[in-house]
Amino acid sequence: MVRAESTVSERQYTAGDATVTGLLAGIAAGIAMAAYLVLIGLLVGVGPTRMLARFDPPGAGAASPLAGTLIHLAMSAVYGLLFGVIYWLVGRRRLAGRAGGIVLGLAYGLILLLVAQALIATSAGAPLRQIGPIHFAVAHLIYGAVLGWLVGRK
């Protein structure tokens, strides 16, 4: 009996794949970050709606938890997309696997923390000042670690 052998070529991981992976991983990491902040808020007596409303920049009306959540997830997705491309260009060759992704993700989370600190210094970031600096930093590290782990899996 003769067996027919088939070869399946592995599809190349493209920049487009990296952007989609980063975008989806960014949303998941943003959810993890928000979950941490909501949990911390509950421990100190701040309800989930009040915590999530802090991501809604000050404007004409009262802060909205829905708007804050959507803004946070949109920002998480955009930053995740950017990370996906950075990892595709730089990290995947030098930092193979999940551990490398997490290391790069943690560094990225620290960079985003610095960006967020600059935002907090403006009036647009005023509501975020109500989050303690330690918890704000931990939340960004959680975001970076989850993002790096998810992107590094590809």
Protein backbone atom coordinates (compact mmCIF):
# COMPACT_ATOMS: atom_id res chain seq x y z
CA MET A 1 0.00 0.00 0.00
CA VAL A 2 1.39 3.37 -1.00
CA ARG A 3 0.76 6.31 1.25
CA ALA A 4 0.32 9.69 -0.28
CA GLU A 5 2.18 12.30 1.63
CA SER A 6 0.86 15.79 1.71
CA THR A 7 2.83 18.77 2.70
CA VAL A 8 1.23 21.68 4.38
CA SER A 9 3.19 24.84 4.18
CA GLU A 10 3.08 27.04 7.21
CA ARG A 11 1.52 30.39 6.47
CA GLN A 12 3.81 33.38 6.92
CA TYR A 13 2.97 35.63 9.90
CA THR A 14 2.54 39.05 8.31
CA ALA A 15 2.37 42.64 9.55
CA GLY A 16 -1.38 42.47 9.05
CA ASP A 17 -1.55 39.42 11.32
CA ALA A 18 0.54 41.28 13.90
CA THR A 19 -1.78 44.28 13.90
CA VAL A 20 -4.90 42.16 14.36
CA THR A 21 -3.23 40.06 17.06
CA GLY A 22 -2.06 43.21 18.84
CA LEU A 23 -5.47 44.86 18.58
CA LEU A 24 -7.31 41.88 20.06
CA ALA A 25 -4.63 41.30 22.70
CA GLY A 26 -4.82 45.00 23.58
CA ILE A 27 -8.55 44.72 24.24
CA ALA A 28 -8.02 41.64 26.42
CA ALA A 29 -5.18 43.33 28.31
CA GLY A 30 -7.34 46.45 28.75
CA ILE A 31 -10.07 44.29 30.27
CA ALA A 32 -7.53 42.76 32.68
CA MET A 33 -6.27 46.23 33.61
CA ALA A 34 -9.81 47.53 34.18
CA ALA A 35 -10.70 44.45 36.23
CA TYR A 36 -7.74 45.11 38.52
CA LEU A 37 -8.71 48.77 38.95
CA VAL A 38 -12.35 47.88 39.63
CA LEU A 39 -11.26 45.30 42.22
CA ILE A 40 -8.95 47.80 43.93
CA GLY A 41 -11.74 50.37 43.80
CA LEU A 42 -14.11 47.97 45.53
CA LEU A 43 -11.54 47.36 48.26
CA VAL A 44 -11.28 51.09 48.99
CA GLY A 45 -15.00 51.84 48.63
CA VAL A 46 -15.15 53.10 45.05
CA GLY A 47 -17.85 51.43 42.98
CA PRO A 48 -17.15 50.02 39.52
CA THR A 49 -19.15 52.72 37.75
CA ARG A 50 -17.25 55.49 39.53
CA MET A 51 -13.92 53.85 38.75
CA LEU A 52 -14.72 53.34 35.06
CA ALA A 53 -16.11 56.88 34.76
CA ARG A 54 -12.62 58.16 35.60
CA PHE A 55 -11.53 57.19 32.08
CA ASP A 56 -14.09 59.59 30.58
CA PRO A 57 -12.22 62.88 30.03
CA PRO A 58 -13.80 65.94 31.62
CA GLY A 59 -16.27 67.59 29.31
CA ALA A 60 -19.62 69.27 29.26
CA GLY A 61 -21.54 66.67 31.25
CA ALA A 62 -21.12 64.24 34.08
CA ALA A 63 -18.54 61.49 33.66
CA SER A 64 -20.04 58.39 32.10
CA PRO A 65 -18.91 54.88 33.06
CA LEU A 66 -19.93 53.60 29.63
CA ALA A 67 -17.95 56.30 27.82
CA GLY A 68 -15.01 55.75 30.19
CA THR A 69 -15.04 52.01 29.53
CA LEU A 70 -15.26 52.45 25.76
CA ILE A 71 -12.50 55.07 25.73
CA HIS A 72 -10.28 52.84 27.88
CA LEU A 73 -10.85 49.80 25.63
CA ALA A 74 -10.30 51.85 22.46
CA MET A 75 -7.01 53.18 23.81
CA SER A 76 -6.04 49.67 24.92
CA ALA A 77 -6.76 48.34 21.43
CA VAL A 78 -4.73 51.07 19.70
CA TYR A 79 -1.77 50.62 22.04
CA GLY A 80 -2.09 46.85 21.59
CA LEU A 81 -2.04 47.22 17.80
CA LEU A 82 1.12 49.30 18.07
CA PHE A 83 2.69 46.70 20.36
CA GLY A 84 1.79 43.92 17.93
CA VAL A 85 3.67 45.67 15.14
CA ILE A 86 6.65 46.47 17.39
CA TYR A 87 6.83 42.85 18.51
CA TRP A 88 6.56 41.67 14.90
CA LEU A 89 9.39 43.99 13.82
CA VAL A 90 11.73 43.62 16.77
CA GLY A 91 10.76 41.22 19.46
CA ARG A 92 9.81 37.97 17.81
CA ARG A 93 13.29 37.37 16.47
CA ARG A 94 15.12 38.29 19.65
CA LEU A 95 12.60 37.34 22.31
CA ALA A 96 10.98 34.12 21.19
CA GLY A 97 7.94 32.78 22.99
CA ARG A 98 5.73 33.84 25.82
CA ALA A 99 8.48 34.81 28.27
CA GLY A 100 10.07 37.17 25.76
CA GLY A 101 6.68 38.65 24.98
CA ILE A 102 6.00 39.24 28.67
CA VAL A 103 9.37 40.95 29.18
CA LEU A 104 8.80 43.23 26.20
CA GLY A 105 5.20 43.77 27.33
CA LEU A 106 6.29 44.83 30.82
CA ALA A 107 8.71 47.35 29.33
CA TYR A 108 5.92 48.59 27.06
CA GLY A 109 3.58 48.88 30.06
CA LEU A 110 6.15 51.07 31.82
CA ILE A 111 6.42 53.31 28.74
CA LEU A 112 2.62 53.61 28.67
CA LEU A 113 2.69 54.50 32.36
CA LEU A 114 4.98 57.42 31.54
CA VAL A 115 2.64 58.48 28.72
CA ALA A 116 -0.31 58.24 31.11
CA GLN A 117 1.54 60.28 33.75
CA ALA A 118 2.04 63.01 31.15
CA LEU A 119 -1.69 62.88 30.39
CA ILE A 120 -2.55 63.08 34.08
CA ALA A 121 -0.56 66.30 34.29
CA THR A 122 -3.08 67.88 31.89
CA SER A 123 -6.68 68.77 32.63
CA ALA A 124 -7.88 65.89 30.41
CA GLY A 125 -6.34 63.41 32.84
CA ALA A 126 -7.70 65.01 36.00
CA PRO A 127 -10.12 62.18 36.89
CA LEU A 128 -7.30 59.64 36.62
CA ARG A 129 -5.42 61.45 39.39
CA GLN A 130 -7.91 59.91 41.80
CA ILE A 131 -6.35 56.48 41.20
CA GLY A 132 -3.45 55.90 43.56
CA PRO A 133 -0.05 56.01 41.83
CA ILE A 134 0.94 52.51 42.97
CA HIS A 135 -2.29 51.00 41.67
CA PHE A 136 -1.99 53.01 38.47
CA ALA A 137 1.51 51.59 37.95
CA VAL A 138 0.47 48.02 38.77
CA ALA A 139 -2.47 48.33 36.36
CA HIS A 140 -0.10 49.33 33.55
CA LEU A 141 2.23 46.44 34.36
CA ILE A 142 -0.74 44.06 34.25
CA TYR A 143 -1.70 45.51 30.88
CA GLY A 144 1.84 45.07 29.56
CA ALA A 145 2.27 41.54 30.91
CA VAL A 146 -1.06 40.30 29.53
CA LEU A 147 -0.46 42.04 26.21
CA GLY A 148 3.05 40.59 25.89
CA TRP A 149 1.91 37.12 26.88
CA LEU A 150 -0.91 37.09 24.33
CA VAL A 151 1.14 38.57 21.48
CA GLY A 152 4.14 36.36 22.33
CA ARG A 153 2.02 33.24 21.88
CA LYS A 154 1.84 33.80 18.12
